[in-house]
Structures are given as structure tokens and as C-alpha cells.
Amino acid sequence: MGTGGRSGLRPGKGNAEGVAAGQGSTDGVAATPTAASASCQYRCIECNQEAKELYRDYNHGVLKITICSCQKPVDKYIEYDPVIILINAILCKAQAYRHILFNTKINMHGKLCIFCLLCEAYLRWWQLQDSNQNLDPDDFIRYAKEWDFYRMFAIASLEQAAFFTGIFTFLWLERPMTANKKHNFILLLKALLLSSYGKLLLIPAVIWEHDYTPLCLRLIKVFVLTSNFQAIRVTLNISRKLSFLAILSGLLLESAMVYFFQRMEWDMGSDCTIYKSQDL
């Protein structure tokens, strides 16, 4: 059995209590559950039910995937190659999202968020410099351009914060019992940060500039929103309608933030202004 997909699983082996509870030996072979404590819960990627373990590790390297009550493996991706898992995530499959969000331990949410914001800030800074070309090598000009990049980063951060605030506000108003749980709030925030990985494609779109760059930027935006939509639906186990309305609420608040910056006459190079200027 392939074990390429088990490298990111949450650590945790069964203890003596788990063995005594009926998870011990089978036909004389000792079985060690992968998760016996209630604090380390997994999810079935098919029906979203909680599971205590993903597989059992018997003696002599024999592994057996746990079967859920829906008669399907709790997580078939544990024996998949990470590349296959990534491809399924790109295709926005709910099973791949459940595997990544519930059955793996990933602690790169903050770093990924910062890097995505840097990519978006660079795109806006690049568009601003492209529209205001100045060949003066004076140090003051270079200093001003550097601060323009910092300003783009701050504005991109505020817009993303507004987008997330709109999503959480809608979910809190629509489903207060679910949104008020601290565990759900943190998990949803991490899911939104991870599902924004599509912004990394902004840099190649700028480096390899061509006539279809505006279209590529629009497609990247749609892909990121689609990933956010799937992350909300999988994390909270809600309907597609509620997920869509949550994304729409986030976009409305983000647009309000963009409008505010425009009224303040900040040349912030938002997605909308970038697309319009490039179409010209």
C-alpha cells in the first residue's frame, strides 16, 4: 500500500486505553490506532462524519484504511501522492478539501497569506510604475517607488480583511450558532487563507506579459473566489447557496473599501482599475 499521502497526517498513536476499548489485537496481531483521543478528530472525506482514526497500523508494516459508516474509506487520499492531492484541490473537489483541512496538519497559513499579499501588492505596484514611468535615477525617486510598494501591500491587506469580514459577518447573521464557535471561526479563517493560494499565479501572469494578461488576471480572480467558495462549504458543511451568498457579501464589503480609497483619491491600483487600464 502506498503511503505517500501520509506524510502530512496529524501525529498521534493509540494508547493502552484505546487498545482496551476494543481497538487492540485482531487475530493475535496488535493494532495501533492512529488517533484515539477525542481531541484529535478526523473527518470522512465522503460524508463529513467524524472519525477517530484514518487507518490502523498492524505489526510487520500492515496498514488497513478505516471504513466509515457510509461504507467508504474515511480518507482514501492518505495513500495518494501529494501531487495527485494538489491536482484534485485545484479541481475544487470537496473530498480533497476535507483531506487537507481536517485530516492533515498544515501550519503555513500565515506565511501563505503574507506571500499572496506580496504577490498582489507587486502586481499593483507594477501596474502603477508602468503607468508612471520615470527614468530619473535619483535616489528620492527610488525611495518613493519603494514606499509605493509598501502602500500597495497595506491596501491589499485592508481589502482582504474587508473581504473576510464580509464573509464572517454574513455567516454570523445567517448561522449564529455555527459562526460563534471559536473552533469553527479559526478553522474557517485557515481554510480561507489556504484557499487563496491561487493568488500566487499573479506573478507568472505579470512576468510573462502578453496580450491576454487582463483575461488571465480575471481568471485568477475567479479561481480564487471559487476556491474560497468551496472552502466555506466544506468547512462549515453548509449549502452552496449560503456559501455563494457569503462570498458575495465579502465582495460587496471589499468593493465598498475600494470605493472608499478611490474617494480618498488614493491611487491604490485595485483589481478593477488594473483590468480597466489594461483593456485600454
Protein backbone atom coordinates (compact mmCIF):
# COMPACT_ATOMS: atom_id res chain seq x y z
CA MET A 1 0.00 0.00 0.00
CA GLY A 2 1.36 3.38 -0.94
CA THR A 3 1.96 5.76 1.93
CA GLY A 4 2.95 8.88 0.03
CA GLY A 5 -0.07 10.78 1.29
CA ARG A 6 0.54 10.03 5.00
CA SER A 7 3.42 12.45 5.44
CA GLY A 8 1.14 15.33 6.41
CA LEU A 9 -1.20 13.44 8.71
CA ARG A 10 -1.73 14.65 12.22
CA PRO A 11 0.60 12.86 14.58
CA GLY A 12 -0.87 10.62 17.23
CA LYS A 13 -0.82 6.94 18.06
CA GLY A 14 -3.23 4.91 20.14
CA ASN A 15 -2.62 4.26 23.80
CA ALA A 16 -3.37 1.42 26.13
CA GLU A 17 -6.88 2.71 26.80
CA GLY A 18 -7.69 2.60 23.12
CA VAL A 19 -6.49 -0.98 22.91
CA ALA A 20 -8.55 -1.95 25.95
CA ALA A 21 -11.61 -0.35 24.39
CA GLY A 22 -11.63 -2.88 21.60
CA GLN A 23 -9.04 -1.38 19.27
CA GLY A 24 -6.34 -3.79 20.27
CA SER A 25 -5.34 -7.09 18.75
CA THR A 26 -7.11 -8.79 15.89
CA ASP A 27 -6.38 -12.48 15.32
CA GLY A 28 -3.34 -12.24 17.51
CA VAL A 29 -1.88 -9.21 15.74
CA ALA A 30 -1.66 -5.98 17.72
CA ALA A 31 -3.31 -2.99 16.07
CA THR A 32 -2.30 0.55 16.91
CA PRO A 33 -4.95 3.20 16.06
CA THR A 34 -3.68 6.41 14.55
CA ALA A 35 -5.90 8.57 16.75
CA ALA A 36 -7.53 7.50 19.95
CA SER A 37 -8.10 10.78 21.75
CA ALA A 38 -11.23 12.83 21.24
CA SER A 39 -9.14 15.98 20.86
CA CYS A 40 -7.73 14.75 17.55
CA GLN A 41 -10.78 14.14 15.40
CA TYR A 42 -10.68 13.37 11.71
CA ARG A 43 -13.41 13.61 9.10
CA CYS A 44 -14.67 11.25 6.45
CA ILE A 45 -13.97 12.92 3.13
CA GLU A 46 -17.15 11.44 1.62
CA CYS A 47 -19.89 12.09 4.21
CA ASN A 48 -18.11 14.55 6.53
CA GLN A 49 -18.72 12.41 9.64
CA GLU A 50 -16.15 12.47 12.43
CA ALA A 51 -13.77 9.55 12.72
CA LYS A 52 -11.31 8.53 15.42
CA GLU A 53 -8.72 7.15 13.01
CA LEU A 54 -7.78 7.12 9.36
CA TYR A 55 -6.02 3.77 9.30
CA ARG A 56 -4.67 1.07 11.59
CA ASP A 57 -1.03 0.16 11.65
CA TYR A 58 -0.69 -3.54 12.41
CA ASN A 59 2.56 -5.31 13.13
CA HIS A 60 5.02 -6.01 10.32
CA GLY A 61 4.04 -2.87 8.41
CA VAL A 62 0.49 -3.98 7.56
CA LEU A 63 -1.85 -0.99 7.14
CA LYS A 64 -5.61 -1.05 6.87
CA ILE A 65 -7.66 2.01 5.93
CA THR A 66 -10.60 2.67 8.25
CA ILE A 67 -14.05 2.27 6.71
CA CYS A 68 -16.68 4.86 7.60
CA SER A 69 -20.34 4.15 8.35
CA CYS A 70 -21.08 5.27 4.78
CA GLN A 71 -19.22 2.12 3.66
CA LYS A 72 -16.41 4.12 2.07
CA PRO A 73 -12.83 4.73 3.22
CA VAL A 74 -12.56 7.57 5.72
CA ASP A 75 -9.76 9.14 3.71
CA LYS A 76 -8.54 7.49 0.54
CA TYR A 77 -6.04 10.31 -0.04
CA ILE A 78 -3.71 9.03 2.67
CA GLU A 79 -2.24 6.64 0.11
CA TYR A 80 -2.23 9.17 -2.75
CA ASP A 81 0.78 11.10 -3.93
CA PRO A 82 0.75 14.78 -2.83
CA VAL A 83 0.77 15.86 -6.48
CA ILE A 84 -2.49 13.99 -7.09
CA ILE A 85 -3.99 15.61 -3.99
CA LEU A 86 -2.94 19.05 -5.25
CA ILE A 87 -4.49 18.41 -8.66
CA ASN A 88 -7.77 17.38 -7.01
CA ALA A 89 -7.65 20.51 -4.86
CA ILE A 90 -7.11 22.65 -7.96
CA LEU A 91 -10.20 20.98 -9.44
CA CYS A 92 -12.02 22.10 -6.25
CA LYS A 93 -13.10 18.60 -5.22
CA ALA A 94 -14.75 18.61 -1.82
CA GLN A 95 -13.02 15.35 -0.84
CA ALA A 96 -9.57 16.86 -1.42
CA TYR A 97 -10.52 19.94 0.61
CA ARG A 98 -11.72 17.80 3.54
CA HIS A 99 -8.48 15.81 3.44
CA ILE A 100 -6.36 18.97 3.54
CA LEU A 101 -8.43 20.87 6.10
CA PHE A 102 -9.38 18.10 8.53
CA ASN A 103 -7.01 15.17 8.10
CA THR A 104 -3.65 16.86 7.65
CA LYS A 105 -1.61 19.18 9.80
CA ILE A 106 -0.61 22.27 7.85
CA ASN A 107 0.84 25.28 9.69
CA MET A 108 1.65 27.53 6.75
CA HIS A 109 -1.49 29.68 6.75
CA GLY A 110 0.24 32.87 7.90
CA LYS A 111 3.23 32.50 5.59
CA LEU A 112 0.99 31.74 2.61
CA CYS A 113 -1.19 34.77 3.39
CA ILE A 114 1.82 37.11 3.53
CA PHE A 115 3.24 35.71 0.31
CA CYS A 116 -0.10 36.05 -1.51
CA LEU A 117 -0.42 39.64 -0.32
CA LEU A 118 3.12 40.34 -1.57
CA CYS A 119 2.18 38.93 -4.97
CA GLU A 120 -0.93 41.10 -5.13
CA ALA A 121 0.98 44.17 -3.93
CA TYR A 122 3.65 43.57 -6.56
CA LEU A 123 1.01 43.34 -9.28
CA ARG A 124 -0.50 46.68 -8.25
CA TRP A 125 2.92 48.29 -7.80
CA TRP A 126 3.97 47.02 -11.23
CA GLN A 127 0.83 48.49 -12.81
CA LEU A 128 1.40 51.80 -11.03
CA GLN A 129 5.02 52.02 -12.20
CA ASP A 130 4.02 51.02 -15.72
CA SER A 131 1.57 53.91 -15.90
CA ASN A 132 4.01 56.40 -14.32
CA GLN A 133 7.34 55.62 -15.94
CA ASN A 134 10.19 57.80 -14.78
CA LEU A 135 13.76 57.20 -15.89
CA ASP A 136 15.26 59.60 -13.35
CA PRO A 137 17.83 57.60 -11.33
CA ASP A 138 17.60 59.98 -8.41
CA ASP A 139 17.61 58.24 -5.02
CA PHE A 140 14.49 60.11 -3.97
CA ILE A 141 12.55 58.63 -6.89
CA ARG A 142 13.65 55.10 -6.00
CA TYR A 143 12.75 55.75 -2.35
CA ALA A 144 9.28 56.94 -3.37
CA LYS A 145 8.76 53.86 -5.54
CA GLU A 146 9.72 51.62 -2.63
CA TRP A 147 7.14 53.27 -0.41
CA ASP A 148 4.58 52.87 -3.20
CA PHE A 149 5.06 49.12 -2.88
CA TYR A 150 4.54 49.26 0.89
CA ARG A 151 1.39 51.30 0.31
CA MET A 152 0.08 48.72 -2.16
CA PHE A 153 0.76 45.97 0.37
CA ALA A 154 -1.15 47.82 3.10
CA ILE A 155 -4.12 48.46 0.83
CA ALA A 156 -4.20 44.85 -0.39
CA SER A 157 -4.19 43.71 3.24
CA LEU A 158 -7.08 46.02 4.12
CA GLU A 159 -9.11 44.82 1.15
CA GLN A 160 -8.56 41.18 2.06
CA ALA A 161 -9.51 41.93 5.67
CA ALA A 162 -12.70 43.59 4.40
CA PHE A 163 -13.45 40.54 2.23
CA PHE A 164 -13.06 38.15 5.16
CA THR A 165 -15.05 40.46 7.45
CA GLY A 166 -17.95 40.45 5.00
CA ILE A 167 -17.92 36.65 4.89
CA PHE A 168 -17.81 36.23 8.67
CA THR A 169 -20.49 38.89 9.20
CA PHE A 170 -22.90 37.18 6.82
CA LEU A 171 -22.28 33.76 8.35
CA TRP A 172 -22.71 35.18 11.86
CA LEU A 173 -26.06 36.72 10.89
CA GLU A 174 -27.24 33.67 8.97
CA ARG A 175 -25.97 30.90 11.25
CA PRO A 176 -25.02 32.48 14.61
CA MET A 177 -24.71 29.16 16.45
CA THR A 178 -22.14 27.86 13.95
CA ALA A 179 -20.20 31.08 13.46
CA ASN A 180 -19.93 31.81 17.19
CA LYS A 181 -17.91 28.65 17.87
CA LYS A 182 -14.27 29.57 18.24
CA HIS A 183 -13.16 26.31 16.66
CA ASN A 184 -15.26 26.93 13.54
CA PHE A 185 -14.05 30.54 13.32
CA ILE A 186 -10.36 29.60 13.42
CA LEU A 187 -10.82 26.67 11.06
CA LEU A 188 -12.73 28.79 8.55
CA LEU A 189 -10.09 31.53 8.68
CA LYS A 190 -7.36 28.99 7.98
CA ALA A 191 -9.43 27.48 5.18
CA LEU A 192 -9.91 30.89 3.54
CA LEU A 193 -6.19 31.66 3.79
CA LEU A 194 -5.21 28.30 2.31
CA SER A 195 -7.79 28.52 -0.48
CA SER A 196 -6.36 31.86 -1.59
CA TYR A 197 -3.25 30.12 -2.93
CA GLY A 198 -4.37 30.97 -6.46
CA LYS A 199 -3.00 34.49 -5.99
CA LEU A 200 0.47 33.02 -6.41
CA LEU A 201 -0.34 32.83 -10.13
CA LEU A 202 -0.31 36.63 -10.31
CA ILE A 203 3.48 36.74 -10.50
CA PRO A 204 3.83 34.47 -13.58
CA ALA A 205 1.00 36.40 -15.23
CA VAL A 206 2.99 39.62 -14.80
CA ILE A 207 6.40 38.18 -15.68
CA TRP A 208 5.21 36.59 -18.92
CA GLU A 209 3.19 39.59 -20.02
CA HIS A 210 1.21 39.25 -23.23
CA ASP A 211 -2.00 40.46 -24.83
CA TYR A 212 -4.11 38.09 -22.73
CA THR A 213 -2.79 39.28 -19.36
CA PRO A 214 -6.07 41.07 -18.39
CA LEU A 215 -8.01 37.90 -19.16
CA CYS A 216 -5.55 35.82 -17.11
CA LEU A 217 -5.94 38.16 -14.15
CA ARG A 218 -9.72 37.84 -14.33
CA LEU A 219 -9.50 34.05 -14.49
CA ILE A 220 -7.17 34.02 -11.48
CA LYS A 221 -9.66 36.14 -9.53
CA VAL A 222 -12.50 33.76 -10.45
CA PHE A 223 -10.38 30.75 -9.46
CA VAL A 224 -9.56 32.25 -6.05
CA LEU A 225 -13.22 33.04 -5.38
CA THR A 226 -14.22 29.53 -6.43
CA SER A 227 -11.65 28.06 -4.05
CA ASN A 228 -12.92 30.30 -1.23
CA PHE A 229 -16.47 29.20 -2.00
CA GLN A 230 -15.53 25.53 -1.74
CA ALA A 231 -13.52 26.11 1.45
CA ILE A 232 -16.54 27.72 3.16
CA ARG A 233 -18.89 24.95 2.05
CA VAL A 234 -16.58 22.16 3.19
CA THR A 235 -15.51 23.73 6.50
CA LEU A 236 -18.98 24.57 7.79
CA ASN A 237 -20.84 21.85 5.85
CA ILE A 238 -23.40 24.32 4.53
CA SER A 239 -25.28 24.58 1.26
CA ARG A 240 -23.90 26.05 -1.95
CA LYS A 241 -26.40 28.89 -1.71
CA LEU A 242 -25.13 30.06 1.67
CA SER A 243 -21.52 29.75 0.52
CA PHE A 244 -22.25 31.81 -2.58
CA LEU A 245 -24.03 34.49 -0.56
CA ALA A 246 -21.12 34.61 1.89
CA ILE A 247 -18.67 35.18 -0.97
CA LEU A 248 -20.97 37.83 -2.41
CA SER A 249 -21.12 39.61 0.96
CA GLY A 250 -17.34 39.62 1.14
CA LEU A 251 -17.08 41.04 -2.37
CA LEU A 252 -19.58 43.79 -1.54
CA LEU A 253 -17.64 44.90 1.52
CA GLU A 254 -14.37 44.71 -0.40
CA SER A 255 -15.88 46.83 -3.20
CA ALA A 256 -17.01 49.35 -0.59
CA MET A 257 -13.43 49.52 0.67
CA VAL A 258 -12.15 50.08 -2.88
CA TYR A 259 -14.72 52.83 -3.41
CA PHE A 260 -13.63 54.47 -0.16
CA PHE A 261 -10.00 54.51 -1.28
CA GLN A 262 -11.00 55.96 -4.64
CA ARG A 263 -12.98 58.70 -2.94
CA MET A 264 -9.92 59.45 -0.85
CA GLU A 265 -8.03 59.77 -4.16
CA TRP A 266 -5.58 57.02 -3.31
CA ASP A 267 -4.06 55.55 -6.41
CA MET A 268 -4.37 52.06 -4.99
CA GLY A 269 -4.38 50.03 -8.22
CA SER A 270 -7.18 47.65 -7.25
CA ASP A 271 -8.18 44.70 -9.38
CA CYS A 272 -10.95 46.68 -11.07
CA THR A 273 -8.73 49.63 -12.01
CA ILE A 274 -5.99 47.28 -13.19
CA TYR A 275 -8.33 45.47 -15.55
CA LYS A 276 -9.75 48.70 -16.96
CA SER A 277 -6.36 50.31 -17.53
CA GLN A 278 -5.01 47.20 -19.23
CA ASP A 279 -8.02 46.93 -21.51
CA LEU A 280 -7.25 50.43 -22.73
